[in-house]
Amino acid sequence: RTGGTLPKDRHPSRIEYRAQELPRQAKKLGLDLN
């Protein structure tokens, strides 16, 4: 309803960025992340 796109339907560059960014942020915050 607000113009967003589900993760699985995003452009490959966005999917690749998310795959890098989530672990970086988790490490920075001291949180385990799968």
All heavy atoms as atom14 arrays in JSON, in Angstrom:
{
  "sequence": "RTGGTLPKDRHPSRIEYRAQELPRQAKKLGLDLN",
  "atom14_mask": [
    [1, 1, 1, 1, 1, 1, 1, 1, 1, 1, 1, 0, 0, 0],
    [1, 1, 1, 1, 1, 1, 1, 0, 0, 0, 0, 0, 0, 0],
    [1, 1, 1, 1, 0, 0, 0, 0, 0, 0, 0, 0, 0, 0],
    [1, 1, 1, 1, 0, 0, 0, 0, 0, 0, 0, 0, 0, 0],
    [1, 1, 1, 1, 1, 1, 1, 0, 0, 0, 0, 0, 0, 0],
    [1, 1, 1, 1, 1, 1, 1, 1, 0, 0, 0, 0, 0, 0],
    [1, 1, 1, 1, 1, 1, 1, 0, 0, 0, 0, 0, 0, 0],
    [1, 1, 1, 1, 1, 1, 1, 1, 1, 0, 0, 0, 0, 0],
    [1, 1, 1, 1, 1, 1, 1, 1, 0, 0, 0, 0, 0, 0],
    [1, 1, 1, 1, 1, 1, 1, 1, 1, 1, 1, 0, 0, 0],
    [1, 1, 1, 1, 1, 1, 1, 1, 1, 1, 0, 0, 0, 0],
    [1, 1, 1, 1, 1, 1, 1, 0, 0, 0, 0, 0, 0, 0],
    [1, 1, 1, 1, 1, 1, 0, 0, 0, 0, 0, 0, 0, 0],
    [1, 1, 1, 1, 1, 1, 1, 1, 1, 1, 1, 0, 0, 0],
    [1, 1, 1, 1, 1, 1, 1, 1, 0, 0, 0, 0, 0, 0],
    [1, 1, 1, 1, 1, 1, 1, 1, 1, 0, 0, 0, 0, 0],
    [1, 1, 1, 1, 1, 1, 1, 1, 1, 1, 1, 1, 0, 0],
    [1, 1, 1, 1, 1, 1, 1, 1, 1, 1, 1, 0, 0, 0],
    [1, 1, 1, 1, 1, 0, 0, 0, 0, 0, 0, 0, 0, 0],
    [1, 1, 1, 1, 1, 1, 1, 1, 1, 0, 0, 0, 0, 0],
    [1, 1, 1, 1, 1, 1, 1, 1, 1, 0, 0, 0, 0, 0],
    [1, 1, 1, 1, 1, 1, 1, 1, 0, 0, 0, 0, 0, 0],
    [1, 1, 1, 1, 1, 1, 1, 0, 0, 0, 0, 0, 0, 0],
    [1, 1, 1, 1, 1, 1, 1, 1, 1, 1, 1, 0, 0, 0],
    [1, 1, 1, 1, 1, 1, 1, 1, 1, 0, 0, 0, 0, 0],
    [1, 1, 1, 1, 1, 0, 0, 0, 0, 0, 0, 0, 0, 0],
    [1, 1, 1, 1, 1, 1, 1, 1, 1, 0, 0, 0, 0, 0],
    [1, 1, 1, 1, 1, 1, 1, 1, 1, 0, 0, 0, 0, 0],
    [1, 1, 1, 1, 1, 1, 1, 1, 0, 0, 0, 0, 0, 0],
    [1, 1, 1, 1, 0, 0, 0, 0, 0, 0, 0, 0, 0, 0],
    [1, 1, 1, 1, 1, 1, 1, 1, 0, 0, 0, 0, 0, 0],
    [1, 1, 1, 1, 1, 1, 1, 1, 0, 0, 0, 0, 0, 0],
    [1, 1, 1, 1, 1, 1, 1, 1, 0, 0, 0, 0, 0, 0],
    [1, 1, 1, 1, 1, 1, 1, 1, 0, 0, 0, 0, 0, 0]
  ],
  "atom14_positions": [
    [[0.8, -1.23, 0.0], [0.0, 0.0, 0.0], [0.83, 1.27, 0.0], [0.27, 2.37, -0.15], [-0.94, -0.04, 1.2], [-1.99, -1.14, 1.03], [-2.9, -1.25, 2.2], [-3.61, 0.0, 2.47], [-4.41, 0.17, 3.52], [-4.61, -0.82, 4.38], [-5.01, 1.32, 3.72], [0.0, 0.0, 0.0], [0.0, 0.0, 0.0], [0.0, 0.0, 0.0]],
    [[2.15, 1.15, 0.2], [2.96, 2.36, 0.29], [4.13, 2.37, -0.7], [5.07, 3.15, -0.55], [3.52, 2.54, 1.72], [4.33, 1.4, 2.07], [2.4, 2.7, 2.73], [0.0, 0.0, 0.0], [0.0, 0.0, 0.0], [0.0, 0.0, 0.0], [0.0, 0.0, 0.0], [0.0, 0.0, 0.0], [0.0, 0.0, 0.0], [0.0, 0.0, 0.0]],
    [[4.06, 1.5, -1.69], [5.08, 1.53, -2.73], [6.32, 0.74, -2.43], [7.34, 0.89, -3.12], [0.0, 0.0, 0.0], [0.0, 0.0, 0.0], [0.0, 0.0, 0.0], [0.0, 0.0, 0.0], [0.0, 0.0, 0.0], [0.0, 0.0, 0.0], [0.0, 0.0, 0.0], [0.0, 0.0, 0.0], [0.0, 0.0, 0.0], [0.0, 0.0, 0.0]],
    [[6.29, -0.11, -1.42], [7.45, -0.93, -1.09], [7.5, -2.2, -1.92], [6.53, -2.55, -2.6], [0.0, 0.0, 0.0], [0.0, 0.0, 0.0], [0.0, 0.0, 0.0], [0.0, 0.0, 0.0], [0.0, 0.0, 0.0], [0.0, 0.0, 0.0], [0.0, 0.0, 0.0], [0.0, 0.0, 0.0], [0.0, 0.0, 0.0], [0.0, 0.0, 0.0]],
    [[8.62, -2.88, -1.83], [8.83, -4.13, -2.56], [9.32, -5.18, -1.58], [10.2, -4.91, -0.76], [9.89, -3.94, -3.67], [9.48, -2.86, -4.51], [10.04, -5.2, -4.51], [0.0, 0.0, 0.0], [0.0, 0.0, 0.0], [0.0, 0.0, 0.0], [0.0, 0.0, 0.0], [0.0, 0.0, 0.0], [0.0, 0.0, 0.0], [0.0, 0.0, 0.0]],
    [[8.76, -6.37, -1.66], [9.21, -7.46, -0.79], [10.68, -7.77, -1.07], [11.13, -7.66, -2.22], [8.36, -8.71, -1.03], [6.9, -8.62, -0.62], [6.16, -9.89, -1.04], [6.77, -8.4, 0.87], [0.0, 0.0, 0.0], [0.0, 0.0, 0.0], [0.0, 0.0, 0.0], [0.0, 0.0, 0.0], [0.0, 0.0, 0.0], [0.0, 0.0, 0.0]],
    [[11.43, -8.19, -0.04], [12.86, -8.47, -0.25], [13.14, -9.4, -1.43], [14.06, -9.15, -2.21], [13.28, -9.1, 1.09], [12.37, -8.46, 2.09], [11.06, -8.32, 1.37], [0.0, 0.0, 0.0], [0.0, 0.0, 0.0], [0.0, 0.0, 0.0], [0.0, 0.0, 0.0], [0.0, 0.0, 0.0], [0.0, 0.0, 0.0], [0.0, 0.0, 0.0]],
    [[12.34, -10.44, -1.59], [12.59, -11.41, -2.66], [12.38, -10.83, -4.06], [12.88, -11.36, -5.04], [11.7, -12.64, -2.47], [10.22, -12.4, -2.7], [9.4, -13.67, -2.5], [7.92, -13.44, -2.74], [7.59, -13.02, -4.07], [0.0, 0.0, 0.0], [0.0, 0.0, 0.0], [0.0, 0.0, 0.0], [0.0, 0.0, 0.0], [0.0, 0.0, 0.0]],
    [[11.63, -9.73, -4.14], [11.3, -9.14, -5.44], [12.16, -7.92, -5.77], [11.95, -7.28, -6.81], [9.82, -8.73, -5.48], [8.9, -9.93, -5.32], [9.27, -11.02, -5.79], [7.82, -9.77, -4.71], [0.0, 0.0, 0.0], [0.0, 0.0, 0.0], [0.0, 0.0, 0.0], [0.0, 0.0, 0.0], [0.0, 0.0, 0.0], [0.0, 0.0, 0.0]],
    [[13.11, -7.6, -4.92], [13.93, -6.41, -5.14], [15.01, -6.66, -6.19], [15.37, -7.8, -6.48], [14.56, -5.96, -3.82], [13.5, -5.45, -2.84], [14.06, -5.12, -1.48], [12.95, -4.76, -0.59], [13.04, -4.77, 0.73], [14.17, -5.1, 1.34], [12.0, -4.44, 1.46], [0.0, 0.0, 0.0], [0.0, 0.0, 0.0], [0.0, 0.0, 0.0]],
    [[15.5, -5.59, -6.72], [16.59, -5.67, -7.7], [17.79, -6.37, -7.06], [18.04, -6.2, -5.86], [16.97, -4.25, -8.14], [17.95, -4.21, -9.26], [19.31, -4.29, -9.05], [17.76, -4.11, -10.6], [19.93, -4.24, -10.22], [19.01, -4.13, -11.18], [0.0, 0.0, 0.0], [0.0, 0.0, 0.0], [0.0, 0.0, 0.0], [0.0, 0.0, 0.0]],
    [[18.55, -7.16, -7.84], [19.71, -7.87, -7.27], [20.69, -6.98, -6.51], [21.25, -7.4, -5.49], [20.37, -8.5, -8.5], [19.25, -8.71, -9.45], [18.32, -7.54, -9.24], [0.0, 0.0, 0.0], [0.0, 0.0, 0.0], [0.0, 0.0, 0.0], [0.0, 0.0, 0.0], [0.0, 0.0, 0.0], [0.0, 0.0, 0.0], [0.0, 0.0, 0.0]],
    [[20.88, -5.75, -6.95], [21.81, -4.87, -6.25], [21.32, -4.56, -4.84], [22.12, -4.47, -3.9], [22.05, -3.58, -7.03], [20.84, -2.86, -7.19], [0.0, 0.0, 0.0], [0.0, 0.0, 0.0], [0.0, 0.0, 0.0], [0.0, 0.0, 0.0], [0.0, 0.0, 0.0], [0.0, 0.0, 0.0], [0.0, 0.0, 0.0], [0.0, 0.0, 0.0]],
    [[20.01, -4.42, -4.67], [19.44, -4.18, -3.34], [19.54, -5.43, -2.46], [19.82, -5.34, -1.27], [17.98, -3.73, -3.45], [17.82, -2.36, -4.07], [16.35, -1.99, -4.22], [16.18, -0.66, -4.77], [16.05, 0.45, -4.05], [16.07, 0.38, -2.73], [15.9, 1.61, -4.64], [0.0, 0.0, 0.0], [0.0, 0.0, 0.0], [0.0, 0.0, 0.0]],
    [[19.31, -6.57, -3.06], [19.42, -7.83, -2.32], [20.86, -8.05, -1.85], [21.11, -8.43, -0.7], [18.93, -9.01, -3.2], [17.42, -8.87, -3.45], [19.25, -10.35, -2.55], [16.87, -9.85, -4.48], [0.0, 0.0, 0.0], [0.0, 0.0, 0.0], [0.0, 0.0, 0.0], [0.0, 0.0, 0.0], [0.0, 0.0, 0.0], [0.0, 0.0, 0.0]],
    [[21.81, -7.78, -2.73], [23.22, -7.93, -2.38], [23.63, -6.95, -1.29], [24.38, -7.31, -0.36], [24.09, -7.73, -3.62], [23.95, -8.86, -4.64], [24.49, -8.49, -6.0], [25.09, -7.4, -6.15], [24.29, -9.29, -6.94], [0.0, 0.0, 0.0], [0.0, 0.0, 0.0], [0.0, 0.0, 0.0], [0.0, 0.0, 0.0], [0.0, 0.0, 0.0]],
    [[23.15, -5.73, -1.37], [23.48, -4.74, -0.34], [22.93, -5.17, 1.02], [23.62, -5.09, 2.04], [22.94, -3.36, -0.71], [23.32, -2.32, 0.31], [24.59, -1.75, 0.3], [22.44, -1.94, 1.32], [24.96, -0.82, 1.26], [22.8, -1.02, 2.28], [24.06, -0.46, 2.25], [24.43, 0.44, 3.2], [0.0, 0.0, 0.0], [0.0, 0.0, 0.0]],
    [[21.68, -5.61, 1.03], [21.06, -6.08, 2.28], [21.88, -7.22, 2.89], [22.06, -7.28, 4.11], [19.63, -6.55, 1.99], [18.84, -7.04, 3.18], [17.43, -7.44, 2.71], [16.57, -7.88, 3.78], [16.51, -9.12, 4.24], [17.29, -10.07, 3.72], [15.68, -9.44, 5.21], [0.0, 0.0, 0.0], [0.0, 0.0, 0.0], [0.0, 0.0, 0.0]],
    [[22.38, -8.12, 2.04], [23.17, -9.26, 2.52], [24.49, -8.82, 3.15], [25.05, -9.53, 3.99], [23.44, -10.23, 1.37], [0.0, 0.0, 0.0], [0.0, 0.0, 0.0], [0.0, 0.0, 0.0], [0.0, 0.0, 0.0], [0.0, 0.0, 0.0], [0.0, 0.0, 0.0], [0.0, 0.0, 0.0], [0.0, 0.0, 0.0], [0.0, 0.0, 0.0]],
    [[24.99, -7.67, 2.76], [26.2, -7.13, 3.38], [25.88, -6.28, 4.61], [26.57, -6.35, 5.62], [26.99, -6.29, 2.37], [27.61, -7.06, 1.25], [28.43, -6.18, 0.32], [28.42, -4.96, 0.42], [29.14, -6.82, -0.59], [0.0, 0.0, 0.0], [0.0, 0.0, 0.0], [0.0, 0.0, 0.0], [0.0, 0.0, 0.0], [0.0, 0.0, 0.0]],
    [[24.84, -5.48, 4.48], [24.53, -4.5, 5.52], [24.01, -5.13, 6.81], [24.41, -4.71, 7.9], [23.53, -3.48, 4.98], [23.1, -2.41, 5.97], [24.21, -1.45, 6.38], [25.36, -1.58, 5.91], [23.92, -0.57, 7.2], [0.0, 0.0, 0.0], [0.0, 0.0, 0.0], [0.0, 0.0, 0.0], [0.0, 0.0, 0.0], [0.0, 0.0, 0.0]],
    [[23.14, -6.12, 6.71], [22.61, -6.72, 7.93], [23.7, -7.31, 8.82], [23.74, -7.02, 10.02], [21.54, -7.78, 7.59], [20.19, -7.24, 7.15], [19.29, -8.37, 6.67], [19.5, -6.49, 8.29], [0.0, 0.0, 0.0], [0.0, 0.0, 0.0], [0.0, 0.0, 0.0], [0.0, 0.0, 0.0], [0.0, 0.0, 0.0], [0.0, 0.0, 0.0]],
    [[24.63, -8.14, 8.29], [25.7, -8.65, 9.15], [26.61, -7.55, 9.7], [27.07, -7.64, 10.84], [26.48, -9.6, 8.23], [25.5, -10.0, 7.18], [24.65, -8.78, 6.96], [0.0, 0.0, 0.0], [0.0, 0.0, 0.0], [0.0, 0.0, 0.0], [0.0, 0.0, 0.0], [0.0, 0.0, 0.0], [0.0, 0.0, 0.0], [0.0, 0.0, 0.0]],
    [[26.86, -6.51, 8.91], [27.7, -5.4, 9.41], [27.05, -4.74, 10.61], [27.69, -4.49, 11.63], [27.9, -4.35, 8.31], [28.98, -4.64, 7.33], [29.4, -3.4, 6.56], [28.32, -2.75, 5.85], [28.15, -2.83, 4.53], [28.98, -3.54, 3.78], [27.15, -2.18, 3.96], [0.0, 0.0, 0.0], [0.0, 0.0, 0.0], [0.0, 0.0, 0.0]],
    [[25.75, -4.44, 10.47], [25.04, -3.76, 11.56], [24.96, -4.67, 12.8], [25.11, -4.2, 13.93], [23.65, -3.33, 11.11], [23.65, -2.22, 10.08], [24.29, -0.95, 10.62], [24.02, -0.53, 11.74], [25.15, -0.34, 9.82], [0.0, 0.0, 0.0], [0.0, 0.0, 0.0], [0.0, 0.0, 0.0], [0.0, 0.0, 0.0], [0.0, 0.0, 0.0]],
    [[24.71, -5.95, 12.58], [24.64, -6.89, 13.71], [25.96, -6.94, 14.46], [26.0, -6.91, 15.7], [24.24, -8.28, 13.22], [0.0, 0.0, 0.0], [0.0, 0.0, 0.0], [0.0, 0.0, 0.0], [0.0, 0.0, 0.0], [0.0, 0.0, 0.0], [0.0, 0.0, 0.0], [0.0, 0.0, 0.0], [0.0, 0.0, 0.0], [0.0, 0.0, 0.0]],
    [[27.06, -6.99, 13.7], [28.38, -7.03, 14.33], [28.64, -5.75, 15.11], [29.15, -5.78, 16.24], [29.45, -7.24, 13.25], [30.84, -7.44, 13.82], [31.83, -7.83, 12.73], [33.19, -8.14, 13.33], [34.16, -8.54, 12.29], [0.0, 0.0, 0.0], [0.0, 0.0, 0.0], [0.0, 0.0, 0.0], [0.0, 0.0, 0.0], [0.0, 0.0, 0.0]],
    [[28.29, -4.63, 14.53], [28.48, -3.34, 15.19], [27.71, -3.27, 16.51], [28.19, -2.69, 17.49], [28.03, -2.22, 14.24], [28.31, -0.84, 14.74], [28.07, 0.19, 13.65], [26.63, 0.58, 13.56], [26.4, 1.73, 12.67], [0.0, 0.0, 0.0], [0.0, 0.0, 0.0], [0.0, 0.0, 0.0], [0.0, 0.0, 0.0], [0.0, 0.0, 0.0]],
    [[26.54, -3.9, 16.52], [25.67, -3.84, 17.7], [25.89, -5.01, 18.67], [25.24, -5.08, 19.7], [24.22, -3.82, 17.24], [23.82, -2.57, 16.45], [22.5, -2.8, 15.71], [23.73, -1.36, 17.37], [0.0, 0.0, 0.0], [0.0, 0.0, 0.0], [0.0, 0.0, 0.0], [0.0, 0.0, 0.0], [0.0, 0.0, 0.0], [0.0, 0.0, 0.0]],
    [[26.78, -5.94, 18.3], [27.06, -7.08, 19.17], [25.93, -8.09, 19.23], [25.73, -8.76, 20.24], [0.0, 0.0, 0.0], [0.0, 0.0, 0.0], [0.0, 0.0, 0.0], [0.0, 0.0, 0.0], [0.0, 0.0, 0.0], [0.0, 0.0, 0.0], [0.0, 0.0, 0.0], [0.0, 0.0, 0.0], [0.0, 0.0, 0.0], [0.0, 0.0, 0.0]],
    [[25.19, -8.22, 18.12], [24.07, -9.16, 18.07], [24.38, -10.31, 17.12], [24.94, -10.1, 16.04], [22.8, -8.45, 17.58], [22.22, -7.36, 18.49], [21.12, -6.6, 17.76], [21.68, -7.97, 19.77], [0.0, 0.0, 0.0], [0.0, 0.0, 0.0], [0.0, 0.0, 0.0], [0.0, 0.0, 0.0], [0.0, 0.0, 0.0], [0.0, 0.0, 0.0]],
    [[24.0, -11.52, 17.51], [24.1, -12.66, 16.6], [23.05, -12.5, 15.52], [21.95, -12.02, 15.78], [23.86, -13.97, 17.36], [24.96, -14.27, 18.38], [26.11, -13.86, 18.13], [24.65, -14.89, 19.41], [0.0, 0.0, 0.0], [0.0, 0.0, 0.0], [0.0, 0.0, 0.0], [0.0, 0.0, 0.0], [0.0, 0.0, 0.0], [0.0, 0.0, 0.0]],
    [[23.39, -12.92, 14.3], [22.43, -12.81, 13.2], [22.68, -13.93, 12.21], [23.81, -14.16, 11.78], [22.58, -11.47, 12.49], [21.72, -11.29, 11.24], [20.29, -10.94, 11.62], [22.29, -10.23, 10.31], [0.0, 0.0, 0.0], [0.0, 0.0, 0.0], [0.0, 0.0, 0.0], [0.0, 0.0, 0.0], [0.0, 0.0, 0.0], [0.0, 0.0, 0.0]],
    [[21.61, -14.61, 11.85], [21.66, -15.58, 10.76], [20.97, -14.92, 9.58], [19.76, -14.67, 9.62], [20.94, -16.87, 11.14], [21.02, -17.92, 10.04], [21.39, -17.62, 8.91], [20.69, -19.14, 10.38], [0.0, 0.0, 0.0], [0.0, 0.0, 0.0], [0.0, 0.0, 0.0], [0.0, 0.0, 0.0], [0.0, 0.0, 0.0], [0.0, 0.0, 0.0]]
  ]
}
